[in-house]
Amino acid sequence: MYLDKAKKEEIFGQYGKSTTDTGSAEAQIALFSYRISHLTEHLKKNHKDHNTARSLTMLVGKRRKLLKYLYNNDINRYRAIIKALGLRK
């Protein structure tokens, strides 16, 4: 599997407060971004995989919703995660 326990701990450790901080918005956004990039690469090779395309669309929506939450509640955290992940210029 592409996303094992060690990879999740690495993502949570880098973007969350600790390796066990799985619930913060920053950690979730980072995890969604990793999964989105993986699914995008998969769809480049398997363009007829409609189930994965739907999953990708739903993940992008979840990430967008969390980004909107951060933008509305704490603009500094929003700017930090955008810069760290390189989502926008």
N, C-alpha and C. Protein backbone atom coordinates (compact mmCIF):
# COMPACT_ATOMS: atom_id res chain seq x y z
N MET A 1 0.84 -1.18 0.00
CA MET A 1 0.00 0.00 0.00
C MET A 1 0.89 1.24 0.00
N TYR A 2 0.45 2.27 -0.67
CA TYR A 2 1.26 3.47 -0.83
C TYR A 2 1.31 4.33 0.43
N LEU A 3 0.36 4.16 1.33
CA LEU A 3 0.28 5.01 2.51
C LEU A 3 0.27 4.13 3.76
N ASP A 4 1.44 3.80 4.24
CA ASP A 4 1.53 2.96 5.42
C ASP A 4 1.66 3.81 6.68
N LYS A 5 1.74 3.15 7.81
CA LYS A 5 1.76 3.84 9.10
C LYS A 5 2.96 4.78 9.23
N ALA A 6 4.11 4.35 8.74
CA ALA A 6 5.32 5.18 8.83
C ALA A 6 5.19 6.46 8.02
N LYS A 7 4.59 6.35 6.84
CA LYS A 7 4.41 7.54 5.99
C LYS A 7 3.43 8.52 6.64
N LYS A 8 2.35 7.99 7.23
CA LYS A 8 1.39 8.85 7.92
C LYS A 8 2.05 9.56 9.09
N GLU A 9 2.84 8.84 9.87
CA GLU A 9 3.53 9.46 11.01
C GLU A 9 4.49 10.54 10.54
N GLU A 10 5.14 10.31 9.41
CA GLU A 10 6.05 11.31 8.86
C GLU A 10 5.29 12.58 8.47
N ILE A 11 4.15 12.41 7.81
CA ILE A 11 3.34 13.57 7.40
C ILE A 11 2.81 14.31 8.62
N PHE A 12 2.28 13.57 9.59
CA PHE A 12 1.74 14.20 10.79
C PHE A 12 2.84 14.86 11.61
N GLY A 13 4.01 14.26 11.65
CA GLY A 13 5.13 14.85 12.38
C GLY A 13 5.62 16.14 11.74
N GLN A 14 5.58 16.18 10.42
CA GLN A 14 6.08 17.35 9.70
C GLN A 14 5.10 18.51 9.75
N TYR A 15 3.81 18.24 9.60
CA TYR A 15 2.81 19.31 9.49
C TYR A 15 1.94 19.48 10.72
N GLY A 16 1.86 18.46 11.57
CA GLY A 16 1.08 18.57 12.79
C GLY A 16 1.95 18.98 13.96
N LYS A 17 1.38 18.98 15.14
CA LYS A 17 2.14 19.33 16.34
C LYS A 17 3.04 18.18 16.79
N SER A 18 2.64 16.95 16.51
CA SER A 18 3.44 15.76 16.84
C SER A 18 3.03 14.63 15.90
N THR A 19 3.66 13.48 16.05
CA THR A 19 3.31 12.35 15.17
C THR A 19 1.94 11.78 15.50
N THR A 20 1.44 12.06 16.70
CA THR A 20 0.12 11.56 17.07
C THR A 20 -0.98 12.60 16.85
N ASP A 21 -0.62 13.77 16.34
CA ASP A 21 -1.59 14.84 16.08
C ASP A 21 -2.24 14.58 14.72
N THR A 22 -3.27 13.76 14.72
CA THR A 22 -3.92 13.39 13.46
C THR A 22 -5.16 14.22 13.16
N GLY A 23 -5.59 15.03 14.10
CA GLY A 23 -6.86 15.72 13.92
C GLY A 23 -6.76 17.17 13.54
N SER A 24 -5.58 17.77 13.61
CA SER A 24 -5.49 19.19 13.29
C SER A 24 -5.72 19.41 11.80
N ALA A 25 -6.21 20.58 11.48
CA ALA A 25 -6.53 20.90 10.09
C ALA A 25 -5.28 20.83 9.21
N GLU A 26 -4.15 21.30 9.72
CA GLU A 26 -2.92 21.29 8.94
C GLU A 26 -2.49 19.87 8.59
N ALA A 27 -2.57 18.97 9.57
CA ALA A 27 -2.18 17.58 9.34
C ALA A 27 -3.11 16.92 8.33
N GLN A 28 -4.40 17.16 8.46
CA GLN A 28 -5.36 16.58 7.53
C GLN A 28 -5.16 17.12 6.12
N ILE A 29 -4.92 18.41 5.99
CA ILE A 29 -4.69 19.01 4.67
C ILE A 29 -3.44 18.41 4.03
N ALA A 30 -2.39 18.22 4.82
CA ALA A 30 -1.16 17.63 4.29
C ALA A 30 -1.40 16.19 3.85
N LEU A 31 -2.16 15.43 4.63
CA LEU A 31 -2.47 14.06 4.27
C LEU A 31 -3.31 14.01 2.99
N PHE A 32 -4.32 14.86 2.91
CA PHE A 32 -5.15 14.92 1.71
C PHE A 32 -4.31 15.30 0.49
N SER A 33 -3.38 16.23 0.66
CA SER A 33 -2.54 16.66 -0.46
C SER A 33 -1.67 15.51 -0.95
N TYR A 34 -1.12 14.73 -0.03
CA TYR A 34 -0.32 13.57 -0.42
C TYR A 34 -1.17 12.56 -1.19
N ARG A 35 -2.36 12.29 -0.68
CA ARG A 35 -3.24 11.33 -1.34
C ARG A 35 -3.70 11.85 -2.70
N ILE A 36 -3.95 13.15 -2.82
CA ILE A 36 -4.37 13.74 -4.08
C ILE A 36 -3.27 13.60 -5.13
N SER A 37 -2.03 13.85 -4.73
CA SER A 37 -0.93 13.72 -5.69
C SER A 37 -0.77 12.26 -6.14
N HIS A 38 -0.95 11.32 -5.21
CA HIS A 38 -0.86 9.90 -5.57
C HIS A 38 -1.98 9.52 -6.54
N LEU A 39 -3.20 9.93 -6.25
CA LEU A 39 -4.32 9.59 -7.13
C LEU A 39 -4.20 10.26 -8.49
N THR A 40 -3.64 11.45 -8.53
CA THR A 40 -3.45 12.15 -9.80
C THR A 40 -2.49 11.36 -10.69
N GLU A 41 -1.41 10.88 -10.10
CA GLU A 41 -0.46 10.06 -10.87
C GLU A 41 -1.11 8.77 -11.35
N HIS A 42 -1.94 8.17 -10.51
CA HIS A 42 -2.64 6.94 -10.90
C HIS A 42 -3.56 7.21 -12.08
N LEU A 43 -4.28 8.34 -12.05
CA LEU A 43 -5.24 8.65 -13.12
C LEU A 43 -4.54 9.01 -14.43
N LYS A 44 -3.31 9.48 -14.36
CA LYS A 44 -2.57 9.75 -15.60
C LYS A 44 -2.31 8.46 -16.37
N LYS A 45 -2.12 7.37 -15.63
CA LYS A 45 -1.86 6.07 -16.26
C LYS A 45 -3.15 5.32 -16.57
N ASN A 46 -4.18 5.52 -15.74
CA ASN A 46 -5.44 4.77 -15.85
C ASN A 46 -6.60 5.75 -15.99
N HIS A 47 -6.70 6.39 -17.14
CA HIS A 47 -7.68 7.46 -17.31
C HIS A 47 -9.13 6.97 -17.32
N LYS A 48 -9.36 5.70 -17.46
CA LYS A 48 -10.74 5.18 -17.46
C LYS A 48 -11.21 4.72 -16.09
N ASP A 49 -10.40 4.92 -15.07
CA ASP A 49 -10.74 4.51 -13.71
C ASP A 49 -11.66 5.57 -13.08
N HIS A 50 -12.94 5.41 -13.29
CA HIS A 50 -13.91 6.42 -12.86
C HIS A 50 -14.10 6.45 -11.35
N ASN A 51 -13.94 5.32 -10.68
CA ASN A 51 -14.07 5.30 -9.22
C ASN A 51 -12.97 6.13 -8.57
N THR A 52 -11.76 6.01 -9.08
CA THR A 52 -10.65 6.80 -8.54
C THR A 52 -10.85 8.27 -8.85
N ALA A 53 -11.38 8.58 -10.02
CA ALA A 53 -11.64 9.97 -10.38
C ALA A 53 -12.65 10.59 -9.41
N ARG A 54 -13.67 9.83 -9.07
CA ARG A 54 -14.67 10.32 -8.12
C ARG A 54 -14.04 10.52 -6.73
N SER A 55 -13.21 9.56 -6.31
CA SER A 55 -12.53 9.68 -5.02
C SER A 55 -11.62 10.91 -4.99
N LEU A 56 -10.94 11.14 -6.09
CA LEU A 56 -10.08 12.32 -6.18
C LEU A 56 -10.89 13.60 -6.05
N THR A 57 -12.01 13.67 -6.73
CA THR A 57 -12.88 14.85 -6.64
C THR A 57 -13.36 15.08 -5.21
N MET A 58 -13.73 14.00 -4.53
CA MET A 58 -14.20 14.14 -3.15
C MET A 58 -13.07 14.59 -2.23
N LEU A 59 -11.86 14.09 -2.43
CA LEU A 59 -10.72 14.49 -1.61
C LEU A 59 -10.38 15.96 -1.80
N VAL A 60 -10.45 16.41 -3.05
CA VAL A 60 -10.18 17.83 -3.32
C VAL A 60 -11.22 18.70 -2.61
N GLY A 61 -12.48 18.25 -2.60
CA GLY A 61 -13.53 18.99 -1.90
C GLY A 61 -13.30 19.03 -0.40
N LYS A 62 -12.87 17.91 0.18
CA LYS A 62 -12.58 17.88 1.62
C LYS A 62 -11.43 18.82 1.97
N ARG A 63 -10.38 18.77 1.13
CA ARG A 63 -9.24 19.65 1.40
C ARG A 63 -9.64 21.12 1.26
N ARG A 64 -10.45 21.41 0.25
CA ARG A 64 -10.91 22.79 0.03
C ARG A 64 -11.74 23.27 1.23
N LYS A 65 -12.58 22.39 1.77
CA LYS A 65 -13.41 22.73 2.92
C LYS A 65 -12.56 23.05 4.14
N LEU A 66 -11.51 22.25 4.39
CA LEU A 66 -10.61 22.52 5.52
C LEU A 66 -9.81 23.80 5.31
N LEU A 67 -9.40 24.06 4.07
CA LEU A 67 -8.68 25.30 3.79
C LEU A 67 -9.58 26.51 4.01
N LYS A 68 -10.84 26.37 3.63
CA LYS A 68 -11.80 27.47 3.85
C LYS A 68 -12.01 27.71 5.34
N TYR A 69 -12.08 26.61 6.12
CA TYR A 69 -12.21 26.72 7.57
C TYR A 69 -11.03 27.49 8.16
N LEU A 70 -9.80 27.12 7.76
CA LEU A 70 -8.62 27.81 8.27
C LEU A 70 -8.61 29.27 7.84
N TYR A 71 -9.00 29.54 6.61
CA TYR A 71 -9.01 30.91 6.10
C TYR A 71 -9.97 31.78 6.91
N ASN A 72 -11.13 31.23 7.24
CA ASN A 72 -12.13 32.01 7.98
C ASN A 72 -11.80 32.16 9.46
N ASN A 73 -11.10 31.19 10.06
CA ASN A 73 -10.87 31.21 11.50
C ASN A 73 -9.48 31.64 11.92
N ASP A 74 -8.48 31.33 11.13
CA ASP A 74 -7.11 31.69 11.51
C ASP A 74 -6.27 31.87 10.24
N ILE A 75 -6.21 33.10 9.75
CA ILE A 75 -5.56 33.38 8.48
C ILE A 75 -4.06 33.07 8.52
N ASN A 76 -3.44 33.20 9.68
CA ASN A 76 -2.00 32.92 9.77
C ASN A 76 -1.70 31.43 9.59
N ARG A 77 -2.51 30.57 10.19
CA ARG A 77 -2.35 29.12 9.99
C ARG A 77 -2.61 28.75 8.53
N TYR A 78 -3.61 29.42 7.92
CA TYR A 78 -3.92 29.19 6.51
C TYR A 78 -2.72 29.53 5.63
N ARG A 79 -2.14 30.69 5.85
CA ARG A 79 -0.99 31.12 5.05
C ARG A 79 0.20 30.19 5.25
N ALA A 80 0.39 29.72 6.48
CA ALA A 80 1.52 28.84 6.77
C ALA A 80 1.39 27.50 6.03
N ILE A 81 0.20 26.91 6.04
CA ILE A 81 0.03 25.61 5.39
C ILE A 81 0.07 25.75 3.88
N ILE A 82 -0.45 26.85 3.35
CA ILE A 82 -0.39 27.09 1.90
C ILE A 82 1.07 27.20 1.46
N LYS A 83 1.85 27.93 2.24
CA LYS A 83 3.26 28.11 1.90
C LYS A 83 4.03 26.81 2.05
N ALA A 84 3.76 26.05 3.12
CA ALA A 84 4.49 24.80 3.38
C ALA A 84 4.22 23.76 2.29
N LEU A 85 2.98 23.68 1.83
CA LEU A 85 2.62 22.69 0.83
C LEU A 85 2.79 23.19 -0.60
N GLY A 86 2.94 24.50 -0.76
CA GLY A 86 3.10 25.06 -2.09
C GLY A 86 1.84 24.95 -2.93
N LEU A 87 0.69 25.16 -2.30
CA LEU A 87 -0.58 25.01 -3.03
C LEU A 87 -0.89 26.20 -3.91
N ARG A 88 -0.49 27.39 -3.50
CA ARG A 88 -0.73 28.60 -4.29
C ARG A 88 0.52 29.45 -4.30
N LYS A 89 0.52 30.43 -5.17
CA LYS A 89 1.68 31.33 -5.25
C LYS A 89 1.60 32.41 -4.21
